Amino acid sequence: ADPSFSVPDSGGRRADIGISEYLFALGDTKGDDTIELGDVIYMANFLLKSGPAPCPFGSADVDCDGDVEIADVIYLANYILNSGPAPGCP
């Protein structure tokens, strides 16, 4: 089905609106389709040094608690460096 639709405004003009689905992997904070140490560094830079936000932002919530925080950095580092639990929601 086409996810686009039109909405008329009060002036008789039409606004076209489209909706698309964007899939991403938890932990792929750089948006390059890989989960690696660089993603941990990217997250830490965002949280501690005001670096650019993860893209998409939700990819950084690797423990699925609704927040992006230092615990997510530790979780992802543990996954990559120590074969810890994979990012994901129960």
N, C-alpha and C. Protein backbone atom coordinates (compact mmCIF):
# COMPACT_ATOMS: atom_id res chain seq x y z
N ALA A 1 0.84 -1.18 0.00
CA ALA A 1 0.00 0.00 0.00
C ALA A 1 0.88 1.24 0.00
N ASP A 2 0.41 2.26 -0.67
CA ASP A 2 1.14 3.52 -0.75
C ASP A 2 0.96 4.28 0.56
N PRO A 3 2.06 4.60 1.27
CA PRO A 3 1.94 5.29 2.55
C PRO A 3 1.79 6.81 2.42
N SER A 4 1.49 7.30 1.22
CA SER A 4 1.35 8.75 1.00
C SER A 4 -0.13 9.14 1.01
N PHE A 5 -0.38 10.37 1.43
CA PHE A 5 -1.74 10.89 1.38
C PHE A 5 -1.68 12.40 1.31
N SER A 6 -2.80 13.01 0.92
CA SER A 6 -2.89 14.47 0.79
C SER A 6 -3.83 15.02 1.84
N VAL A 7 -3.50 16.20 2.32
CA VAL A 7 -4.33 16.88 3.32
C VAL A 7 -4.58 18.29 2.83
N PRO A 8 -5.87 18.67 2.63
CA PRO A 8 -6.15 20.04 2.22
C PRO A 8 -6.02 20.99 3.41
N ASP A 9 -5.49 22.20 3.16
CA ASP A 9 -5.44 23.19 4.24
C ASP A 9 -6.62 24.14 4.08
N SER A 10 -6.75 25.10 4.98
CA SER A 10 -7.91 26.01 4.97
C SER A 10 -7.93 26.93 3.75
N GLY A 11 -6.80 27.10 3.09
CA GLY A 11 -6.74 27.97 1.92
C GLY A 11 -7.00 27.23 0.62
N GLY A 12 -7.39 25.97 0.69
CA GLY A 12 -7.67 25.21 -0.51
C GLY A 12 -6.43 24.59 -1.14
N ARG A 13 -5.30 24.79 -0.54
CA ARG A 13 -4.08 24.17 -1.05
C ARG A 13 -3.98 22.75 -0.51
N ARG A 14 -3.08 21.99 -1.06
CA ARG A 14 -2.93 20.61 -0.67
C ARG A 14 -1.51 20.37 -0.18
N ALA A 15 -1.38 19.64 0.91
CA ALA A 15 -0.07 19.24 1.41
C ALA A 15 0.07 17.74 1.24
N ASP A 16 1.09 17.31 0.53
CA ASP A 16 1.34 15.88 0.35
C ASP A 16 2.23 15.39 1.48
N ILE A 17 1.82 14.32 2.10
CA ILE A 17 2.55 13.77 3.24
C ILE A 17 2.88 12.32 2.94
N GLY A 18 4.11 11.93 3.20
CA GLY A 18 4.52 10.54 3.01
C GLY A 18 5.13 9.99 4.28
N ILE A 19 4.95 8.72 4.47
CA ILE A 19 5.51 8.04 5.63
C ILE A 19 6.39 6.91 5.13
N SER A 20 7.57 6.80 5.72
CA SER A 20 8.44 5.69 5.33
C SER A 20 9.00 5.02 6.58
N GLU A 21 9.33 3.78 6.42
CA GLU A 21 9.88 3.00 7.52
C GLU A 21 11.40 3.02 7.41
N TYR A 22 12.08 3.24 8.53
CA TYR A 22 13.53 3.28 8.54
C TYR A 22 14.02 2.21 9.49
N LEU A 23 14.65 1.19 8.96
CA LEU A 23 15.16 0.10 9.78
C LEU A 23 16.62 0.36 10.13
N PHE A 24 16.99 0.00 11.35
CA PHE A 24 18.37 0.17 11.78
C PHE A 24 18.71 -0.91 12.79
N ALA A 25 19.99 -1.10 13.02
CA ALA A 25 20.46 -2.07 14.01
C ALA A 25 20.85 -1.34 15.28
N LEU A 26 20.38 -1.84 16.41
CA LEU A 26 20.82 -1.28 17.69
C LEU A 26 22.33 -1.42 17.79
N GLY A 27 23.00 -0.34 18.13
CA GLY A 27 24.45 -0.34 18.25
C GLY A 27 25.17 0.24 17.05
N ASP A 28 24.50 0.33 15.91
CA ASP A 28 25.12 0.92 14.72
C ASP A 28 24.91 2.42 14.76
N THR A 29 25.59 3.08 15.69
CA THR A 29 25.36 4.50 15.95
C THR A 29 25.90 5.41 14.86
N LYS A 30 26.82 4.91 14.04
CA LYS A 30 27.36 5.71 12.95
C LYS A 30 26.56 5.54 11.67
N GLY A 31 25.63 4.57 11.66
CA GLY A 31 24.78 4.36 10.49
C GLY A 31 25.50 3.79 9.29
N ASP A 32 26.57 3.00 9.52
CA ASP A 32 27.33 2.45 8.41
C ASP A 32 27.13 0.94 8.24
N ASP A 33 26.08 0.41 8.84
CA ASP A 33 25.71 -1.01 8.73
C ASP A 33 26.71 -1.97 9.35
N THR A 34 27.52 -1.50 10.28
CA THR A 34 28.42 -2.36 11.05
C THR A 34 28.34 -1.95 12.52
N ILE A 35 28.56 -2.91 13.39
CA ILE A 35 28.63 -2.62 14.83
C ILE A 35 30.04 -2.96 15.26
N GLU A 36 30.79 -1.93 15.65
CA GLU A 36 32.20 -2.10 15.97
C GLU A 36 32.61 -1.09 17.04
N LEU A 37 33.87 -1.14 17.42
CA LEU A 37 34.39 -0.26 18.46
C LEU A 37 34.18 1.21 18.10
N GLY A 38 34.22 1.54 16.83
CA GLY A 38 33.97 2.91 16.40
C GLY A 38 32.61 3.43 16.83
N ASP A 39 31.62 2.55 16.92
CA ASP A 39 30.30 2.95 17.39
C ASP A 39 30.32 3.30 18.87
N VAL A 40 31.12 2.57 19.65
CA VAL A 40 31.28 2.87 21.07
C VAL A 40 31.92 4.25 21.23
N ILE A 41 32.96 4.50 20.47
CA ILE A 41 33.66 5.79 20.52
C ILE A 41 32.73 6.92 20.09
N TYR A 42 31.95 6.67 19.05
CA TYR A 42 30.99 7.66 18.56
C TYR A 42 29.98 8.03 19.65
N MET A 43 29.45 7.00 20.33
CA MET A 43 28.49 7.24 21.42
C MET A 43 29.13 8.01 22.56
N ALA A 44 30.34 7.61 22.95
CA ALA A 44 31.03 8.29 24.05
C ALA A 44 31.31 9.75 23.68
N ASN A 45 31.71 9.98 22.45
CA ASN A 45 31.97 11.35 22.00
C ASN A 45 30.69 12.19 22.06
N PHE A 46 29.57 11.59 21.67
CA PHE A 46 28.29 12.30 21.74
C PHE A 46 27.93 12.64 23.18
N LEU A 47 28.04 11.67 24.07
CA LEU A 47 27.62 11.88 25.45
C LEU A 47 28.58 12.73 26.27
N LEU A 48 29.87 12.58 26.04
CA LEU A 48 30.86 13.23 26.90
C LEU A 48 31.50 14.48 26.31
N LYS A 49 31.48 14.61 24.99
CA LYS A 49 32.17 15.72 24.34
C LYS A 49 31.28 16.54 23.42
N SER A 50 29.96 16.36 23.51
CA SER A 50 29.01 17.08 22.66
C SER A 50 29.26 16.84 21.18
N GLY A 51 29.64 15.61 20.84
CA GLY A 51 29.84 15.23 19.44
C GLY A 51 28.50 15.07 18.74
N PRO A 52 28.53 14.73 17.46
CA PRO A 52 27.29 14.57 16.71
C PRO A 52 26.44 13.43 17.28
N ALA A 53 25.13 13.59 17.17
CA ALA A 53 24.20 12.58 17.67
C ALA A 53 24.25 11.32 16.82
N PRO A 54 23.99 10.18 17.43
CA PRO A 54 23.89 8.94 16.67
C PRO A 54 22.80 9.06 15.60
N CYS A 55 22.99 8.35 14.52
CA CYS A 55 22.04 8.41 13.42
C CYS A 55 21.65 7.00 12.98
N PRO A 56 20.42 6.62 13.19
CA PRO A 56 19.36 7.32 13.90
C PRO A 56 19.59 7.29 15.40
N PHE A 57 19.00 8.23 16.09
CA PHE A 57 19.25 8.39 17.52
C PHE A 57 18.92 7.12 18.30
N GLY A 58 17.84 6.45 17.95
CA GLY A 58 17.42 5.25 18.65
C GLY A 58 18.41 4.11 18.60
N SER A 59 19.34 4.15 17.65
CA SER A 59 20.34 3.08 17.54
C SER A 59 21.28 3.04 18.74
N ALA A 60 21.35 4.13 19.50
CA ALA A 60 22.25 4.20 20.64
C ALA A 60 21.63 3.69 21.94
N ASP A 61 20.33 3.46 21.95
CA ASP A 61 19.67 2.93 23.15
C ASP A 61 19.79 1.41 23.13
N VAL A 62 21.01 0.91 23.29
CA VAL A 62 21.27 -0.52 23.10
C VAL A 62 20.72 -1.40 24.21
N ASP A 63 20.42 -0.83 25.37
CA ASP A 63 19.82 -1.64 26.44
C ASP A 63 18.30 -1.47 26.51
N CYS A 64 17.76 -0.71 25.58
CA CYS A 64 16.30 -0.55 25.40
C CYS A 64 15.57 -0.05 26.64
N ASP A 65 16.19 0.88 27.36
CA ASP A 65 15.52 1.43 28.54
C ASP A 65 14.87 2.78 28.26
N GLY A 66 14.93 3.22 27.00
CA GLY A 66 14.31 4.49 26.62
C GLY A 66 15.21 5.70 26.73
N ASP A 67 16.44 5.52 27.20
CA ASP A 67 17.39 6.62 27.35
C ASP A 67 18.70 6.27 26.65
N VAL A 68 19.39 7.29 26.18
CA VAL A 68 20.75 7.12 25.67
C VAL A 68 21.66 7.73 26.70
N GLU A 69 22.47 6.89 27.34
CA GLU A 69 23.30 7.32 28.45
C GLU A 69 24.58 6.49 28.48
N ILE A 70 25.45 6.80 29.43
CA ILE A 70 26.75 6.13 29.50
C ILE A 70 26.59 4.62 29.68
N ALA A 71 25.50 4.17 30.30
CA ALA A 71 25.25 2.73 30.45
C ALA A 71 25.17 2.05 29.09
N ASP A 72 24.67 2.75 28.08
CA ASP A 72 24.60 2.19 26.73
C ASP A 72 26.00 2.04 26.13
N VAL A 73 26.87 2.99 26.41
CA VAL A 73 28.26 2.91 25.94
C VAL A 73 28.93 1.68 26.56
N ILE A 74 28.75 1.50 27.85
CA ILE A 74 29.35 0.36 28.55
C ILE A 74 28.77 -0.95 28.03
N TYR A 75 27.47 -1.00 27.82
CA TYR A 75 26.80 -2.19 27.31
C TYR A 75 27.37 -2.58 25.95
N LEU A 76 27.49 -1.60 25.05
CA LEU A 76 27.98 -1.88 23.71
C LEU A 76 29.45 -2.28 23.73
N ALA A 77 30.25 -1.61 24.57
CA ALA A 77 31.66 -1.98 24.70
C ALA A 77 31.80 -3.40 25.22
N ASN A 78 30.98 -3.78 26.18
CA ASN A 78 31.01 -5.14 26.71
C ASN A 78 30.65 -6.16 25.64
N TYR A 79 29.67 -5.83 24.80
CA TYR A 79 29.28 -6.72 23.70
C TYR A 79 30.44 -6.91 22.72
N ILE A 80 31.08 -5.83 22.34
CA ILE A 80 32.14 -5.89 21.33
C ILE A 80 33.43 -6.48 21.88
N LEU A 81 33.84 -6.05 23.05
CA LEU A 81 35.15 -6.44 23.58
C LEU A 81 35.15 -7.72 24.41
N ASN A 82 34.01 -8.04 25.03
CA ASN A 82 33.98 -9.18 25.95
C ASN A 82 32.93 -10.23 25.59
N SER A 83 32.41 -10.17 24.38
CA SER A 83 31.36 -11.10 23.94
C SER A 83 30.17 -11.08 24.89
N GLY A 84 29.83 -9.88 25.36
CA GLY A 84 28.67 -9.71 26.24
C GLY A 84 27.37 -9.86 25.46
N PRO A 85 26.24 -9.65 26.12
CA PRO A 85 24.95 -9.79 25.44
C PRO A 85 24.81 -8.80 24.29
N ALA A 86 24.20 -9.26 23.22
CA ALA A 86 23.99 -8.42 22.04
C ALA A 86 22.98 -7.33 22.35
N PRO A 87 23.11 -6.18 21.69
CA PRO A 87 22.10 -5.13 21.84
C PRO A 87 20.74 -5.68 21.42
N GLY A 88 19.72 -5.28 22.12
CA GLY A 88 18.39 -5.71 21.73
C GLY A 88 17.41 -5.61 22.87
N CYS A 89 16.15 -5.58 22.48
CA CYS A 89 15.08 -5.48 23.46
C CYS A 89 14.49 -6.86 23.70
N PRO A 90 14.13 -7.11 24.95
CA PRO A 90 13.55 -8.44 25.26
C PRO A 90 12.23 -8.67 24.55
